[in-house]
Every structure is written in C-alpha cells, then in structure tokens.
C-alpha cells in the first residue's frame, strides 16, 4: 500500500506503509527438525570440493586447503611460517 511519493535527489520515491504486515502464524515457521537436514545438505555440498581435492592429492603432496590460486595461498602460508 503506497501512501505517498517523496522527491529524493530529483527522483520520486514511493513511501510504503508497513502497518499492514503481520507476524507469521506459529504453524507456518519451519521447525528445527526440518531445518537440520537442509543445513546438513548445504554443509555437505559446500565441503564436497575440499574433500575431493584432499582425496585426489598426489602422494607426498598434501592438500593445502586452497581451491582458488593455490600457488599464492601456499606462498602466503610459507611467508607466515617464517
């Protein structure tokens, strides 16, 4: 529901009333038992590239944890070790 227009920096901007918004009913909120599997799946999908890189590392060449620009990342770690 637009209740008026205001000029900001030469452009008209709509002013919206938020009084008509209501809180959601308690039954419409996702329950923790529904959120945990979704969070677990998201964590698995985000971790998958790191697991694949660590498993596929050549013998004697450990995975440093960098997926993007590993030469720069390993150089950074070496400089911090000094």
PDB file of N, CA and C in Angstrom:
ATOM      1  N   UNK A   1       0.840  -1.156   0.000  1.00  0.00           N
ATOM      2  CA  UNK A   1       0.000   0.000   0.000  1.00  0.00           C
ATOM      3  C   UNK A   1       0.898   1.236   0.000  1.00  0.00           C
ATOM      4  N   UNK A   2       0.865   1.995  -1.072  1.00  0.00           N
ATOM      5  CA  UNK A   2       1.653   3.220  -1.203  1.00  0.00           C
ATOM      6  C   UNK A   2       0.850   4.369  -0.629  1.00  0.00           C
ATOM      7  N   UNK A   3       1.459   5.143   0.287  1.00  0.00           N
ATOM      8  CA  UNK A   3       0.721   6.248   0.902  1.00  0.00           C
ATOM      9  C   UNK A   3       1.182   7.609   0.405  1.00  0.00           C
ATOM     10  N   UNK A   4       2.231   7.659  -0.410  1.00  0.00           N
ATOM     11  CA  UNK A   4       2.658   8.939  -0.931  1.00  0.00           C
ATOM     12  C   UNK A   4       3.955   8.827  -1.708  1.00  0.00           C
ATOM     13  N   UNK A   5       4.335   9.929  -2.347  1.00  0.00           N
ATOM     14  CA  UNK A   5       5.587   9.993  -3.103  1.00  0.00           C
ATOM     15  C   UNK A   5       6.459  11.087  -2.513  1.00  0.00           C
ATOM     16  N   UNK A   6       7.747  10.825  -2.447  1.00  0.00           N
ATOM     17  CA  UNK A   6       8.698  11.786  -1.909  1.00  0.00           C
ATOM     18  C   UNK A   6       9.796  11.977  -2.941  1.00  0.00           C
ATOM     19  N   UNK A   7      10.243  13.218  -3.131  1.00  0.00           N
ATOM     20  CA  UNK A   7      11.324  13.501  -4.068  1.00  0.00           C
ATOM     21  C   UNK A   7      12.656  13.377  -3.337  1.00  0.00           C
ATOM     22  N   UNK A   8      13.519  12.475  -3.822  1.00  0.00           N
ATOM     23  CA  UNK A   8      14.842  12.281  -3.251  1.00  0.00           C
ATOM     24  C   UNK A   8      15.847  12.412  -4.380  1.00  0.00           C
ATOM     25  N   UNK A   9      16.746  13.395  -4.286  1.00  0.00           N
ATOM     26  CA  UNK A   9      17.755  13.648  -5.318  1.00  0.00           C
ATOM     27  C   UNK A   9      17.120  13.808  -6.701  1.00  0.00           C
ATOM     28  N   UNK A  10      15.991  14.473  -6.763  1.00  0.00           N
ATOM     29  CA  UNK A  10      15.338  14.727  -8.038  1.00  0.00           C
ATOM     30  C   UNK A  10      14.517  13.569  -8.564  1.00  0.00           C
ATOM     31  N   UNK A  11      14.475  12.443  -7.852  1.00  0.00           N
ATOM     32  CA  UNK A  11      13.688  11.287  -8.294  1.00  0.00           C
ATOM     33  C   UNK A  11      12.555  11.062  -7.312  1.00  0.00           C
ATOM     34  N   UNK A  12      11.423  10.627  -7.833  1.00  0.00           N
ATOM     35  CA  UNK A  12      10.295  10.335  -6.959  1.00  0.00           C
ATOM     36  C   UNK A  12      10.451   8.937  -6.382  1.00  0.00           C
ATOM     37  N   UNK A  13      10.264   8.829  -5.085  1.00  0.00           N
ATOM     38  CA  UNK A  13      10.365   7.562  -4.389  1.00  0.00           C
ATOM     39  C   UNK A  13       9.045   7.299  -3.679  1.00  0.00           C
ATOM     40  N   UNK A  14       8.562   6.077  -3.766  1.00  0.00           N
ATOM     41  CA  UNK A  14       7.307   5.718  -3.118  1.00  0.00           C
ATOM     42  C   UNK A  14       7.527   5.513  -1.629  1.00  0.00           C
ATOM     43  N   UNK A  15       6.607   5.996  -0.821  1.00  0.00           N
ATOM     44  CA  UNK A  15       6.620   5.766   0.618  1.00  0.00           C
ATOM     45  C   UNK A  15       5.592   4.687   0.892  1.00  0.00           C
ATOM     46  N   UNK A  16       6.022   3.625   1.515  1.00  0.00           N
ATOM     47  CA  UNK A  16       5.159   2.468   1.717  1.00  0.00           C
ATOM     48  C   UNK A  16       4.846   2.324   3.203  1.00  0.00           C
ATOM     49  N   UNK A  17       3.600   2.085   3.507  1.00  0.00           N
ATOM     50  CA  UNK A  17       3.195   1.838   4.883  1.00  0.00           C
ATOM     51  C   UNK A  17       3.379   0.358   5.188  1.00  0.00           C
ATOM     52  N   UNK A  18       4.048   0.074   6.297  1.00  0.00           N
ATOM     53  CA  UNK A  18       4.272  -1.317   6.687  1.00  0.00           C
ATOM     54  C   UNK A  18       3.314  -1.769   7.780  1.00  0.00           C
ATOM     55  N   UNK A  19       2.310  -0.950   8.091  1.00  0.00           N
ATOM     56  CA  UNK A  19       1.413  -1.282   9.189  1.00  0.00           C
ATOM     57  C   UNK A  19       0.526  -2.484   8.876  1.00  0.00           C
ATOM     58  N   UNK A  20       0.379  -2.831   7.610  1.00  0.00           N
ATOM     59  CA  UNK A  20      -0.489  -3.954   7.259  1.00  0.00           C
ATOM     60  C   UNK A  20       0.225  -5.304   7.385  1.00  0.00           C
ATOM     61  N   UNK A  21       1.547  -5.303   7.602  1.00  0.00           N
ATOM     62  CA  UNK A  21       2.279  -6.553   7.742  1.00  0.00           C
ATOM     63  C   UNK A  21       2.004  -7.156   9.112  1.00  0.00           C
ATOM     64  N   UNK A  22       1.900  -8.451   9.145  1.00  0.00           N
ATOM     65  CA  UNK A  22       1.618  -9.148  10.395  1.00  0.00           C
ATOM     66  C   UNK A  22       2.678 -10.220  10.613  1.00  0.00           C
ATOM     67  N   UNK A  23       2.828 -10.622  11.862  1.00  0.00           N
ATOM     68  CA  UNK A  23       3.728 -11.722  12.171  1.00  0.00           C
ATOM     69  C   UNK A  23       3.164 -13.007  11.598  1.00  0.00           C
ATOM     70  N   UNK A  24       4.035 -13.935  11.270  1.00  0.00           N
ATOM     71  CA  UNK A  24       3.560 -15.213  10.739  1.00  0.00           C
ATOM     72  C   UNK A  24       2.953 -16.037  11.871  1.00  0.00           C
ATOM     73  N   UNK A  25       2.062 -16.891  11.500  1.00  0.00           N
ATOM     74  CA  UNK A  25       1.452 -17.782  12.473  1.00  0.00           C
ATOM     75  C   UNK A  25       2.501 -18.781  12.949  1.00  0.00           C
ATOM     76  N   UNK A  26       2.441 -19.224  14.176  1.00  0.00           N
ATOM     77  CA  UNK A  26       3.447 -20.161  14.678  1.00  0.00           C
ATOM     78  C   UNK A  26       3.533 -21.456  13.870  1.00  0.00           C
ATOM     79  N   UNK A  27       2.458 -21.897  13.275  1.00  0.00           N
ATOM     80  CA  UNK A  27       2.476 -23.127  12.490  1.00  0.00           C
ATOM     81  C   UNK A  27       3.165 -22.978  11.143  1.00  0.00           C
ATOM     82  N   UNK A  28       3.365 -21.743  10.657  1.00  0.00           N
ATOM     83  CA  UNK A  28       3.963 -21.524   9.348  1.00  0.00           C
ATOM     84  C   UNK A  28       5.489 -21.450   9.391  1.00  0.00           C
ATOM     85  N   UNK A  29       6.064 -21.412  10.568  1.00  0.00           N
ATOM     86  CA  UNK A  29       7.512 -21.302  10.703  1.00  0.00           C
ATOM     87  C   UNK A  29       8.133 -22.687  10.561  1.00  0.00           C
ATOM     88  N   UNK A  30       9.283 -22.771   9.854  1.00  0.00           N
ATOM     89  CA  UNK A  30       9.951 -24.073   9.725  1.00  0.00           C
ATOM     90  C   UNK A  30      10.424 -24.536  11.093  1.00  0.00           C
ATOM     91  N   UNK A  31      10.173 -25.769  11.388  1.00  0.00           N
ATOM     92  CA  UNK A  31      10.579 -26.328  12.662  1.00  0.00           C
ATOM     93  C   UNK A  31      12.043 -26.774  12.580  1.00  0.00           C
ATOM     94  N   UNK A  32      12.756 -26.800  13.719  1.00  0.00           N
ATOM     95  CA  UNK A  32      14.167 -27.195  13.699  1.00  0.00           C
ATOM     96  C   UNK A  32      14.406 -28.566  13.076  1.00  0.00           C
ATOM     97  N   UNK A  33      13.475 -29.486  13.231  1.00  0.00           N
ATOM     98  CA  UNK A  33      13.679 -30.811  12.638  1.00  0.00           C
ATOM     99  C   UNK A  33      13.656 -30.738  11.108  1.00  0.00           C
ATOM    100  N   UNK A  34      13.008 -29.728  10.537  1.00  0.00           N
ATOM    101  CA  UNK A  34      13.007 -29.551   9.089  1.00  0.00           C
ATOM    102  C   UNK A  34      14.233 -28.785   8.615  1.00  0.00           C
ATOM    103  N   UNK A  35      14.793 -27.929   9.465  1.00  0.00           N
ATOM    104  CA  UNK A  35      15.926 -27.105   9.084  1.00  0.00           C
ATOM    105  C   UNK A  35      17.231 -27.894   9.138  1.00  0.00           C
ATOM    106  N   UNK A  36      17.376 -28.785  10.108  1.00  0.00           N
ATOM    107  CA  UNK A  36      18.636 -29.513  10.276  1.00  0.00           C
ATOM    108  C   UNK A  36      19.033 -30.330   9.047  1.00  0.00           C
ATOM    109  N   UNK A  37      18.140 -31.078   8.407  1.00  0.00           N
ATOM    110  CA  UNK A  37      18.556 -31.794   7.194  1.00  0.00           C
ATOM    111  C   UNK A  37      18.970 -30.854   6.064  1.00  0.00           C
ATOM    112  N   UNK A  38      18.300 -29.718   5.949  1.00  0.00           N
ATOM    113  CA  UNK A  38      18.660 -28.740   4.913  1.00  0.00           C
ATOM    114  C   UNK A  38      20.034 -28.158   5.203  1.00  0.00           C
ATOM    115  N   UNK A  39      20.310 -27.840   6.471  1.00  0.00           N
ATOM    116  CA  UNK A  39      21.626 -27.323   6.844  1.00  0.00           C
ATOM    117  C   UNK A  39      22.704 -28.375   6.624  1.00  0.00           C
ATOM    118  N   UNK A  40      22.403 -29.633   6.941  1.00  0.00           N
ATOM    119  CA  UNK A  40      23.368 -30.710   6.722  1.00  0.00           C
ATOM    120  C   UNK A  40      23.682 -30.896   5.248  1.00  0.00           C
ATOM    121  N   UNK A  41      22.667 -30.826   4.401  1.00  0.00           N
ATOM    122  CA  UNK A  41      22.871 -30.956   2.964  1.00  0.00           C
ATOM    123  C   UNK A  41      23.700 -29.795   2.429  1.00  0.00           C
ATOM    124  N   UNK A  42      23.415 -28.585   2.898  1.00  0.00           N
ATOM    125  CA  UNK A  42      24.187 -27.413   2.466  1.00  0.00           C
ATOM    126  C   UNK A  42      25.641 -27.541   2.894  1.00  0.00           C
ATOM    127  N   UNK A  43      25.886 -28.004   4.114  1.00  0.00           N
ATOM    128  CA  UNK A  43      27.250 -28.195   4.600  1.00  0.00           C
ATOM    129  C   UNK A  43      27.973 -29.256   3.784  1.00  0.00           C
ATOM    130  N   UNK A  44      27.289 -30.325   3.441  1.00  0.00           N
ATOM    131  CA  UNK A  44      27.882 -31.381   2.625  1.00  0.00           C
ATOM    132  C   UNK A  44      28.243 -30.868   1.236  1.00  0.00           C
ATOM    133  N   UNK A  45      27.351 -30.104   0.616  1.00  0.00           N
ATOM    134  CA  UNK A  45      27.609 -29.587  -0.725  1.00  0.00           C
ATOM    135  C   UNK A  45      28.760 -28.589  -0.738  1.00  0.00           C
ATOM    136  N   UNK A  46      28.871 -27.779   0.300  1.00  0.00           N
ATOM    137  CA  UNK A  46      29.953 -26.794   0.368  1.00  0.00           C
ATOM    138  C   UNK A  46      31.288 -27.485   0.645  1.00  0.00           C
ATOM    139  N   UNK A  47      31.282 -28.554   1.428  1.00  0.00           N
ATOM    140  CA  UNK A  47      32.515 -29.250   1.795  1.00  0.00           C
ATOM    141  C   UNK A  47      32.996 -30.216   0.720  1.00  0.00           C
ATOM    142  N   UNK A  48      32.133 -30.604  -0.185  1.00  0.00           N
ATOM    143  CA  UNK A  48      32.472 -31.620  -1.178  1.00  0.00           C
ATOM    144  C   UNK A  48      33.707 -31.274  -2.015  1.00  0.00           C
ATOM    145  N   UNK A  49      33.882 -30.057  -2.532  1.00  0.00           N
ATOM    146  CA  UNK A  49      35.095 -29.765  -3.308  1.00  0.00           C
ATOM    147  C   UNK A  49      36.377 -29.931  -2.496  1.00  0.00           C
ATOM    148  N   UNK A  50      36.351 -29.598  -1.222  1.00  0.00           N
ATOM    149  CA  UNK A  50      37.531 -29.745  -0.379  1.00  0.00           C
ATOM    150  C   UNK A  50      37.856 -31.217  -0.135  1.00  0.00           C
ATOM    151  N   UNK A  51      36.831 -32.031   0.056  1.00  0.00           N
ATOM    152  CA  UNK A  51      37.038 -33.461   0.262  1.00  0.00           C
ATOM    153  C   UNK A  51      37.611 -34.090  -1.002  1.00  0.00           C
ATOM    154  N   UNK A  52      37.055 -33.746  -2.156  1.00  0.00           N
ATOM    155  CA  UNK A  52      37.549 -34.290  -3.429  1.00  0.00           C
ATOM    156  C   UNK A  52      38.997 -33.879  -3.651  1.00  0.00           C
ATOM    157  N   UNK A  53      39.340 -32.633  -3.369  1.00  0.00           N
ATOM    158  CA  UNK A  53      40.717 -32.162  -3.553  1.00  0.00           C
ATOM    159  C   UNK A  53      41.666 -32.865  -2.590  1.00  0.00           C
ATOM    160  N   UNK A  54      41.268 -33.075  -1.371  1.00  0.00           N
ATOM    161  CA  UNK A  54      42.132 -33.733  -0.395  1.00  0.00           C
ATOM    162  C   UNK A  54      42.350 -35.196  -0.748  1.00  0.00           C
ATOM    163  N   UNK A  55      41.319 -35.875  -1.237  1.00  0.00           N
ATOM    164  CA  UNK A  55      41.441 -37.289  -1.587  1.00  0.00           C
ATOM    165  C   UNK A  55      42.262 -37.468  -2.861  1.00  0.00           C
ATOM    166  N   UNK A  56      42.135 -36.545  -3.795  1.00  0.00           N
ATOM    167  CA  UNK A  56      42.824 -36.702  -5.077  1.00  0.00           C
ATOM    168  C   UNK A  56      44.230 -36.094  -5.096  1.00  0.00           C
ATOM    169  N   UNK A  57      44.720 -35.647  -3.950  1.00  0.00           N
ATOM    170  CA  UNK A  57      46.079 -35.088  -3.899  1.00  0.00           C
ATOM    171  C   UNK A  57      47.099 -36.178  -4.190  1.00  0.00           C
ATOM    172  N   UNK A  58      48.163 -35.811  -4.890  1.00  0.00           N
ATOM    173  CA  UNK A  58      49.220 -36.764  -5.240  1.00  0.00           C
ATOM    174  C   UNK A  58      49.951 -37.207  -3.971  1.00  0.00           C
ATOM    175  N   UNK A  59      50.464 -38.448  -3.969  1.00  0.00           N
ATOM    176  CA  UNK A  59      51.223 -38.914  -2.801  1.00  0.00           C
ATOM    177  C   UNK A  59      52.421 -37.996  -2.532  1.00  0.00           C
ATOM    178  N   UNK A  60      52.611 -37.634  -1.286  1.00  0.00           N
ATOM    179  CA  UNK A  60      53.710 -36.755  -0.922  1.00  0.00           C
ATOM    180  C   UNK A  60      53.414 -35.282  -1.134  1.00  0.00           C
ATOM    181  N   UNK A  61      52.258 -34.965  -1.659  1.00  0.00           N
ATOM    182  CA  UNK A  61      51.859 -33.563  -1.906  1.00  0.00           C
ATOM    183  C   UNK A  61      50.540 -33.319  -1.167  1.00  0.00           C
ATOM    184  N   UNK A  62      50.590 -32.894   0.082  1.00  0.00           N
ATOM    185  CA  UNK A  62      49.342 -32.711   0.837  1.00  0.00           C
ATOM    186  C   UNK A  62      48.522 -31.538   0.309  1.00  0.00           C
ATOM    187  N   UNK A  63      47.229 -31.629   0.483  1.00  0.00           N
ATOM    188  CA  UNK A  63      46.307 -30.561   0.071  1.00  0.00           C
ATOM    189  C   UNK A  63      46.400 -29.431   1.082  1.00  0.00           C
ATOM    190  N   UNK A  64      46.688 -28.221   0.608  1.00  0.00           N
ATOM    191  CA  UNK A  64      46.871 -27.079   1.490  1.00  0.00           C
ATOM    192  C   UNK A  64      45.592 -26.393   1.900  1.00  0.00           C
ATOM    193  N   UNK A  65      44.470 -26.745   1.302  1.00  0.00           N
ATOM    194  CA  UNK A  65      43.202 -26.145   1.673  1.00  0.00           C
ATOM    195  C   UNK A  65      42.770 -25.008   0.773  1.00  0.00           C
ATOM    196  N   UNK A  66      43.536 -24.736  -0.281  1.00  0.00           N
ATOM    197  CA  UNK A  66      43.192 -23.640  -1.191  1.00  0.00           C
ATOM    198  C   UNK A  66      42.650 -24.209  -2.490  1.00  0.00           C
ATOM    199  N   UNK A  67      41.459 -23.793  -2.878  1.00  0.00           N
ATOM    200  CA  UNK A  67      40.885 -24.212  -4.145  1.00  0.00           C
ATOM    201  C   UNK A  67      41.142 -23.187  -5.243  1.00  0.00           C
ATOM    202  N   UNK A  68      41.197 -21.923  -4.874  1.00  0.00           N
ATOM    203  CA  UNK A  68      41.443 -20.857  -5.838  1.00  0.00           C
ATOM    204  C   UNK A  68      42.856 -20.327  -5.636  1.00  0.00           C
ATOM    205  N   UNK A  69      43.648 -20.310  -6.704  1.00  0.00           N
ATOM    206  CA  UNK A  69      45.011 -19.794  -6.692  1.00  0.00           C
ATOM    207  C   UNK A  69      45.855 -20.429  -5.586  1.00  0.00           C
ATOM    208  N   UNK A  70      46.062 -21.741  -5.640  1.00  0.00           N
ATOM    209  CA  UNK A  70      46.812 -22.411  -4.567  1.00  0.00           C
ATOM    210  C   UNK A  70      48.269 -21.968  -4.477  1.00  0.00           C
ATOM    211  N   UNK A  71      48.888 -21.524  -5.586  1.00  0.00           N
ATOM    212  CA  UNK A  71      50.269 -21.071  -5.508  1.00  0.00           C
ATOM    213  C   UNK A  71      50.392 -19.852  -4.608  1.00  0.00           C
ATOM    214  N   UNK A  72      49.481 -18.922  -4.748  1.00  0.00           N
ATOM    215  CA  UNK A  72      49.508 -17.722  -3.913  1.00  0.00           C
ATOM    216  C   UNK A  72      49.189 -18.073  -2.462  1.00  0.00           C
ATOM    217  N   UNK A  73      48.224 -18.956  -2.251  1.00  0.00           N
ATOM    218  CA  UNK A  73      47.856 -19.346  -0.896  1.00  0.00           C
ATOM    219  C   UNK A  73      48.982 -20.059  -0.181  1.00  0.00           C
ATOM    220  N   UNK A  74      49.658 -20.973  -0.877  1.00  0.00           N
ATOM    221  CA  UNK A  74      50.770 -21.681  -0.261  1.00  0.00           C
ATOM    222  C   UNK A  74      51.952 -20.748  -0.023  1.00  0.00           C
ATOM    223  N   UNK A  75      52.160 -19.789  -0.911  1.00  0.00           N
ATOM    224  CA  UNK A  75      53.203 -18.785  -0.707  1.00  0.00           C
ATOM    225  C   UNK A  75      52.897 -17.959   0.544  1.00  0.00           C
ATOM    226  N   UNK A  76      51.640 -17.614   0.727  1.00  0.00           N
ATOM    227  CA  UNK A  76      51.230 -16.862   1.914  1.00  0.00           C
ATOM    228  C   UNK A  76      51.522 -17.662   3.176  1.00  0.00           C
ATOM    229  N   UNK A  77      51.155 -18.952   3.172  1.00  0.00           N
ATOM    230  CA  UNK A  77      51.406 -19.779   4.354  1.00  0.00           C
ATOM    231  C   UNK A  77      52.898 -19.896   4.645  1.00  0.00           C
ATOM    232  N   UNK A  78      53.715 -20.027   3.593  1.00  0.00           N
ATOM    233  CA  UNK A  78      55.159 -20.122   3.784  1.00  0.00           C
ATOM    234  C   UNK A  78      55.708 -18.837   4.380  1.00  0.00           C
ATOM    235  N   UNK A  79      55.213 -17.695   3.930  1.00  0.00           N
ATOM    236  CA  UNK A  79      55.690 -16.419   4.478  1.00  0.00           C
ATOM    237  C   UNK A  79      55.255 -16.234   5.921  1.00  0.00           C
ATOM    238  N   UNK A  80      54.085 -16.719   6.272  1.00  0.00           N
ATOM    239  CA  UNK A  80      53.629 -16.599   7.659  1.00  0.00           C
ATOM    240  C   UNK A  80      54.400 -17.522   8.576  1.00  0.00           C
ATOM    241  N   UNK A  81      54.912 -18.612   8.044  1.00  0.00           N
ATOM    242  CA  UNK A  81      55.677 -19.562   8.843  1.00  0.00           C
ATOM    243  C   UNK A  81      57.046 -18.999   9.206  1.00  0.00           C
ATOM    244  N   UNK A  82      57.586 -18.100   8.379  1.00  0.00           N
ATOM    245  CA  UNK A  82      58.927 -17.535   8.628  1.00  0.00           C
ATOM    246  C   UNK A  82      58.978 -16.721   9.894  1.00  0.00           C
TER     247      UNK A  82
END
